Amino acid sequence: MRLNSLPAVLCLLFLCSPALAQTTVSTIEGTIKDAQGSSIAGAQIVVKSTAIGLERTATSDADGLYRVTALPAGIYSLTVSHAGFATRTFDNIELTLNRTLTLDIPLEVGAVQEQVDVVENAQLLTPTTPSTGATITPQQIREMPTNGRNYLDLMQLVPVWWLTGRRM
């Protein structure tokens, strides 16, 4: 290479560098807010293109901001959902090369769709059956063969009385 052709090559590279800096993908960004203008954090954003078989998801941050990057040129649909809000869908969003589309989305309060099933459970107590128990009179305590006449020893004998059906 000759020395006088060096400035021509450098000039050519300098002119071609903007073409190399161009990207072939686009971005969709914006904010998710409610009807009063408050930010909605945690909203789910799904961007789909059925033509190229692409699906990307994002979640809005604490300020309601979202950003879906690296989207090739094409036609997209965008769906935003969050618990307690109606789902919004935007179809036929066209993205061209090296474009940033700003799409601010207000969400409306949606109907709460919740179902509560009440199932009847078995009763813990049966009102027609007498409960297990017995009453011990002071005379029965004196007549029972207990070790040291400790009243707590009598508690061990109560189920035996109930099972045998015999009262002392």
C-alpha atoms as a PDB file:
ATOM      1  CA  MET A   1       0.000   0.000   0.000  1.00  0.00           C
ATOM      2  CA  ARG A   2       1.310   3.344  -0.892  1.00  0.00           C
ATOM      3  CA  LEU A   3       1.518   6.140   1.611  1.00  0.00           C
ATOM      4  CA  ASN A   4      -0.648   8.555  -0.376  1.00  0.00           C
ATOM      5  CA  SER A   5      -3.576   6.045  -0.479  1.00  0.00           C
ATOM      6  CA  LEU A   6      -3.715   5.817   3.337  1.00  0.00           C
ATOM      7  CA  PRO A   7      -5.764   9.020   3.755  1.00  0.00           C
ATOM      8  CA  ALA A   8      -8.244   7.750   1.143  1.00  0.00           C
ATOM      9  CA  VAL A   9      -8.719   4.445   3.017  1.00  0.00           C
ATOM     10  CA  LEU A  10      -9.140   6.243   6.357  1.00  0.00           C
ATOM     11  CA  CYS A  11     -11.681   8.603   4.800  1.00  0.00           C
ATOM     12  CA  LEU A  12     -13.592   5.629   3.345  1.00  0.00           C
ATOM     13  CA  LEU A  13     -13.691   3.864   6.743  1.00  0.00           C
ATOM     14  CA  PHE A  14     -14.846   7.071   8.419  1.00  0.00           C
ATOM     15  CA  LEU A  15     -17.751   7.445   5.976  1.00  0.00           C
ATOM     16  CA  CYS A  16     -18.801   3.785   6.331  1.00  0.00           C
ATOM     17  CA  SER A  17     -18.828   3.763  10.145  1.00  0.00           C
ATOM     18  CA  PRO A  18     -22.360   5.283  10.517  1.00  0.00           C
ATOM     19  CA  ALA A  19     -23.748   2.492   8.345  1.00  0.00           C
ATOM     20  CA  LEU A  20     -22.085  -0.079  10.600  1.00  0.00           C
ATOM     21  CA  ALA A  21     -23.562   1.531  13.709  1.00  0.00           C
ATOM     22  CA  GLN A  22     -27.168   1.049  12.564  1.00  0.00           C
ATOM     23  CA  THR A  23     -29.044  -1.761  14.257  1.00  0.00           C
ATOM     24  CA  THR A  24     -31.524  -4.181  12.772  1.00  0.00           C
ATOM     25  CA  VAL A  25     -33.762  -4.473  15.833  1.00  0.00           C
ATOM     26  CA  SER A  26     -36.305  -2.243  17.528  1.00  0.00           C
ATOM     27  CA  THR A  27     -37.630  -1.562  21.015  1.00  0.00           C
ATOM     28  CA  ILE A  28     -41.063  -1.036  22.561  1.00  0.00           C
ATOM     29  CA  GLU A  29     -41.123   0.925  25.814  1.00  0.00           C
ATOM     30  CA  GLY A  30     -43.506   2.993  27.888  1.00  0.00           C
ATOM     31  CA  THR A  31     -45.352   3.218  31.201  1.00  0.00           C
ATOM     32  CA  ILE A  32     -48.280   1.334  32.661  1.00  0.00           C
ATOM     33  CA  LYS A  33     -50.663   3.469  34.742  1.00  0.00           C
ATOM     34  CA  ASP A  34     -54.145   3.206  36.186  1.00  0.00           C
ATOM     35  CA  ALA A  35     -57.077   5.506  35.371  1.00  0.00           C
ATOM     36  CA  GLN A  36     -55.925   8.034  38.010  1.00  0.00           C
ATOM     37  CA  GLY A  37     -52.399   8.172  36.583  1.00  0.00           C
ATOM     38  CA  SER A  38     -50.682   6.125  39.306  1.00  0.00           C
ATOM     39  CA  SER A  39     -47.912   3.766  38.217  1.00  0.00           C
ATOM     40  CA  ILE A  40     -48.648   0.047  38.158  1.00  0.00           C
ATOM     41  CA  ALA A  41     -45.700  -2.070  39.221  1.00  0.00           C
ATOM     42  CA  GLY A  42     -45.514  -5.746  38.280  1.00  0.00           C
ATOM     43  CA  ALA A  43     -47.686  -5.614  35.150  1.00  0.00           C
ATOM     44  CA  GLN A  44     -46.934  -8.433  32.704  1.00  0.00           C
ATOM     45  CA  ILE A  45     -46.208  -7.358  29.124  1.00  0.00           C
ATOM     46  CA  VAL A  46     -46.176  -9.979  26.342  1.00  0.00           C
ATOM     47  CA  VAL A  47     -45.064  -9.031  22.818  1.00  0.00           C
ATOM     48  CA  LYS A  48     -45.775 -11.626  20.089  1.00  0.00           C
ATOM     49  CA  SER A  49     -45.200 -11.920  16.374  1.00  0.00           C
ATOM     50  CA  THR A  50     -46.896 -14.938  14.822  1.00  0.00           C
ATOM     51  CA  ALA A  51     -45.267 -14.236  11.446  1.00  0.00           C
ATOM     52  CA  ILE A  52     -41.740 -14.777  12.757  1.00  0.00           C
ATOM     53  CA  GLY A  53     -42.655 -16.957  15.752  1.00  0.00           C
ATOM     54  CA  LEU A  54     -41.264 -14.617  18.390  1.00  0.00           C
ATOM     55  CA  GLU A  55     -42.529 -13.947  21.912  1.00  0.00           C
ATOM     56  CA  ARG A  56     -40.893 -11.679  24.479  1.00  0.00           C
ATOM     57  CA  THR A  57     -42.078 -10.808  27.976  1.00  0.00           C
ATOM     58  CA  ALA A  58     -41.327  -8.002  30.387  1.00  0.00           C
ATOM     59  CA  THR A  59     -42.543  -6.756  33.759  1.00  0.00           C
ATOM     60  CA  SER A  60     -43.132  -3.144  34.687  1.00  0.00           C
ATOM     61  CA  ASP A  61     -40.888  -1.759  37.429  1.00  0.00           C
ATOM     62  CA  ALA A  62     -41.866   0.267  40.528  1.00  0.00           C
ATOM     63  CA  ASP A  63     -42.407   3.372  38.367  1.00  0.00           C
ATOM     64  CA  GLY A  64     -44.590   1.466  35.887  1.00  0.00           C
ATOM     65  CA  LEU A  65     -41.859   1.539  33.221  1.00  0.00           C
ATOM     66  CA  TYR A  66     -41.364  -1.370  30.843  1.00  0.00           C
ATOM     67  CA  ARG A  67     -38.976  -2.048  27.962  1.00  0.00           C
ATOM     68  CA  VAL A  68     -38.965  -4.887  25.425  1.00  0.00           C
ATOM     69  CA  THR A  69     -35.777  -4.909  23.363  1.00  0.00           C
ATOM     70  CA  ALA A  70     -34.210  -6.778  20.435  1.00  0.00           C
ATOM     71  CA  LEU A  71     -37.383  -7.033  18.365  1.00  0.00           C
ATOM     72  CA  PRO A  72     -36.773  -7.662  14.655  1.00  0.00           C
ATOM     73  CA  ALA A  73     -38.828  -5.671  12.150  1.00  0.00           C
ATOM     74  CA  GLY A  74     -42.342  -7.034  11.769  1.00  0.00           C
ATOM     75  CA  ILE A  75     -45.969  -6.917  12.916  1.00  0.00           C
ATOM     76  CA  TYR A  76     -46.554  -7.492  16.631  1.00  0.00           C
ATOM     77  CA  SER A  77     -49.328  -7.763  19.182  1.00  0.00           C
ATOM     78  CA  LEU A  78     -48.809  -6.478  22.725  1.00  0.00           C
ATOM     79  CA  THR A  79     -50.805  -7.684  25.745  1.00  0.00           C
ATOM     80  CA  VAL A  80     -50.680  -6.090  29.205  1.00  0.00           C
ATOM     81  CA  SER A  81     -52.171  -7.788  32.265  1.00  0.00           C
ATOM     82  CA  HIS A  82     -52.137  -7.292  36.022  1.00  0.00           C
ATOM     83  CA  ALA A  83     -54.267  -8.729  38.824  1.00  0.00           C
ATOM     84  CA  GLY A  84     -57.292  -6.538  39.498  1.00  0.00           C
ATOM     85  CA  PHE A  85     -57.100  -4.784  36.117  1.00  0.00           C
ATOM     86  CA  ALA A  86     -58.677  -5.511  32.748  1.00  0.00           C
ATOM     87  CA  THR A  87     -56.253  -7.005  30.222  1.00  0.00           C
ATOM     88  CA  ARG A  88     -55.388  -4.726  27.273  1.00  0.00           C
ATOM     89  CA  THR A  89     -54.304  -6.014  23.876  1.00  0.00           C
ATOM     90  CA  PHE A  90     -52.898  -4.000  20.980  1.00  0.00           C
ATOM     91  CA  ASP A  91     -52.751  -5.687  17.567  1.00  0.00           C
ATOM     92  CA  ASN A  92     -50.961  -4.802  14.324  1.00  0.00           C
ATOM     93  CA  ILE A  93     -48.086  -2.862  15.858  1.00  0.00           C
ATOM     94  CA  GLU A  94     -45.618  -2.386  13.016  1.00  0.00           C
ATOM     95  CA  LEU A  95     -41.946  -2.065  13.860  1.00  0.00           C
ATOM     96  CA  THR A  96     -39.356  -1.064  11.313  1.00  0.00           C
ATOM     97  CA  LEU A  97     -35.576  -1.229  11.637  1.00  0.00           C
ATOM     98  CA  ASN A  98     -33.866   0.720  14.406  1.00  0.00           C
ATOM     99  CA  ARG A  99     -37.052   2.143  15.914  1.00  0.00           C
ATOM    100  CA  THR A 100     -38.041   2.813  19.524  1.00  0.00           C
ATOM    101  CA  LEU A 101     -41.802   2.857  19.891  1.00  0.00           C
ATOM    102  CA  THR A 102     -43.125   4.562  23.028  1.00  0.00           C
ATOM    103  CA  LEU A 103     -46.482   3.133  24.064  1.00  0.00           C
ATOM    104  CA  ASP A 104     -47.945   4.394  27.350  1.00  0.00           C
ATOM    105  CA  ILE A 105     -50.809   2.149  28.435  1.00  0.00           C
ATOM    106  CA  PRO A 106     -53.578   3.029  30.918  1.00  0.00           C
ATOM    107  CA  LEU A 107     -55.245   0.026  32.568  1.00  0.00           C
ATOM    108  CA  GLU A 108     -58.823   0.063  33.799  1.00  0.00           C
ATOM    109  CA  VAL A 109     -59.965  -1.680  36.939  1.00  0.00           C
ATOM    110  CA  GLY A 110     -61.335  -5.079  35.962  1.00  0.00           C
ATOM    111  CA  ALA A 111     -63.983  -7.250  37.459  1.00  0.00           C
ATOM    112  CA  VAL A 112     -62.715  -9.633  40.091  1.00  0.00           C
ATOM    113  CA  GLN A 113     -63.484 -13.134  38.940  1.00  0.00           C
ATOM    114  CA  GLU A 114     -63.195 -15.318  41.960  1.00  0.00           C
ATOM    115  CA  GLN A 115     -65.213 -18.340  42.935  1.00  0.00           C
ATOM    116  CA  VAL A 116     -65.668 -19.627  46.450  1.00  0.00           C
ATOM    117  CA  ASP A 117     -66.895 -23.197  46.898  1.00  0.00           C
ATOM    118  CA  VAL A 118     -68.407 -24.058  50.277  1.00  0.00           C
ATOM    119  CA  VAL A 119     -68.271 -27.744  51.061  1.00  0.00           C
ATOM    120  CA  GLU A 120     -70.072 -29.113  54.085  1.00  0.00           C
ATOM    121  CA  ASN A 121     -67.680 -30.898  56.422  1.00  0.00           C
ATOM    122  CA  ALA A 122     -68.464 -33.590  58.946  1.00  0.00           C
ATOM    123  CA  GLN A 123     -69.426 -32.319  62.361  1.00  0.00           C
ATOM    124  CA  LEU A 124     -66.757 -32.547  64.988  1.00  0.00           C
ATOM    125  CA  LEU A 125     -69.299 -33.140  67.748  1.00  0.00           C
ATOM    126  CA  THR A 126     -72.334 -35.332  67.422  1.00  0.00           C
ATOM    127  CA  PRO A 127     -75.190 -33.781  69.404  1.00  0.00           C
ATOM    128  CA  THR A 128     -77.132 -37.089  69.679  1.00  0.00           C
ATOM    129  CA  THR A 129     -74.273 -39.103  71.221  1.00  0.00           C
ATOM    130  CA  PRO A 130     -73.329 -38.505  74.850  1.00  0.00           C
ATOM    131  CA  SER A 131     -69.752 -37.507  75.386  1.00  0.00           C
ATOM    132  CA  THR A 132     -67.276 -39.653  77.215  1.00  0.00           C
ATOM    133  CA  GLY A 133     -66.918 -38.773  80.858  1.00  0.00           C
ATOM    134  CA  ALA A 134     -67.803 -39.641  84.376  1.00  0.00           C
ATOM    135  CA  THR A 135     -68.419 -37.972  87.681  1.00  0.00           C
ATOM    136  CA  ILE A 136     -66.618 -39.287  90.717  1.00  0.00           C
ATOM    137  CA  THR A 137     -68.125 -38.626  94.108  1.00  0.00           C
ATOM    138  CA  PRO A 138     -66.079 -38.126  97.275  1.00  0.00           C
ATOM    139  CA  GLN A 139     -67.281 -41.469  98.627  1.00  0.00           C
ATOM    140  CA  GLN A 140     -66.043 -43.270  95.495  1.00  0.00           C
ATOM    141  CA  ILE A 141     -62.663 -41.629  95.976  1.00  0.00           C
ATOM    142  CA  ARG A 142     -62.460 -42.984  99.534  1.00  0.00           C
ATOM    143  CA  GLU A 143     -63.458 -46.483  98.419  1.00  0.00           C
ATOM    144  CA  MET A 144     -61.125 -46.802  95.426  1.00  0.00           C
ATOM    145  CA  PRO A 145     -57.803 -48.563  95.782  1.00  0.00           C
ATOM    146  CA  THR A 146     -55.442 -45.759  94.810  1.00  0.00           C
ATOM    147  CA  ASN A 147     -51.849 -45.326  95.789  1.00  0.00           C
ATOM    148  CA  GLY A 148     -51.754 -42.578  98.385  1.00  0.00           C
ATOM    149  CA  ARG A 149     -55.271 -41.338  97.558  1.00  0.00           C
ATOM    150  CA  ASN A 150     -53.953 -39.077  94.792  1.00  0.00           C
ATOM    151  CA  TYR A 151     -56.924 -37.714  92.841  1.00  0.00           C
ATOM    152  CA  LEU A 152     -54.886 -37.687  89.590  1.00  0.00           C
ATOM    153  CA  ASP A 153     -54.667 -41.485  89.731  1.00  0.00           C
ATOM    154  CA  LEU A 154     -58.446 -41.559  89.331  1.00  0.00           C
ATOM    155  CA  MET A 155     -58.181 -40.005  85.875  1.00  0.00           C
ATOM    156  CA  GLN A 156     -56.616 -43.212  84.604  1.00  0.00           C
ATOM    157  CA  LEU A 157     -59.625 -45.210  85.715  1.00  0.00           C
ATOM    158  CA  VAL A 158     -62.344 -43.116  84.038  1.00  0.00           C
ATOM    159  CA  PRO A 159     -62.057 -44.669  80.524  1.00  0.00           C
ATOM    160  CA  VAL A 160     -62.269 -48.144  82.037  1.00  0.00           C
ATOM    161  CA  TRP A 161     -65.591 -47.261  83.644  1.00  0.00           C
ATOM    162  CA  TRP A 162     -66.924 -45.904  80.403  1.00  0.00           C
ATOM    163  CA  LEU A 163     -65.843 -48.927  78.357  1.00  0.00           C
ATOM    164  CA  THR A 164     -67.337 -51.426  80.781  1.00  0.00           C
ATOM    165  CA  GLY A 165     -70.509 -49.423  81.359  1.00  0.00           C
ATOM    166  CA  ARG A 166     -70.206 -50.023  85.097  1.00  0.00           C
ATOM    167  CA  ARG A 167     -70.193 -47.225  87.625  1.00  0.00           C
ATOM    168  CA  MET A 168     -68.752 -47.576  91.035  1.00  0.00           C
END
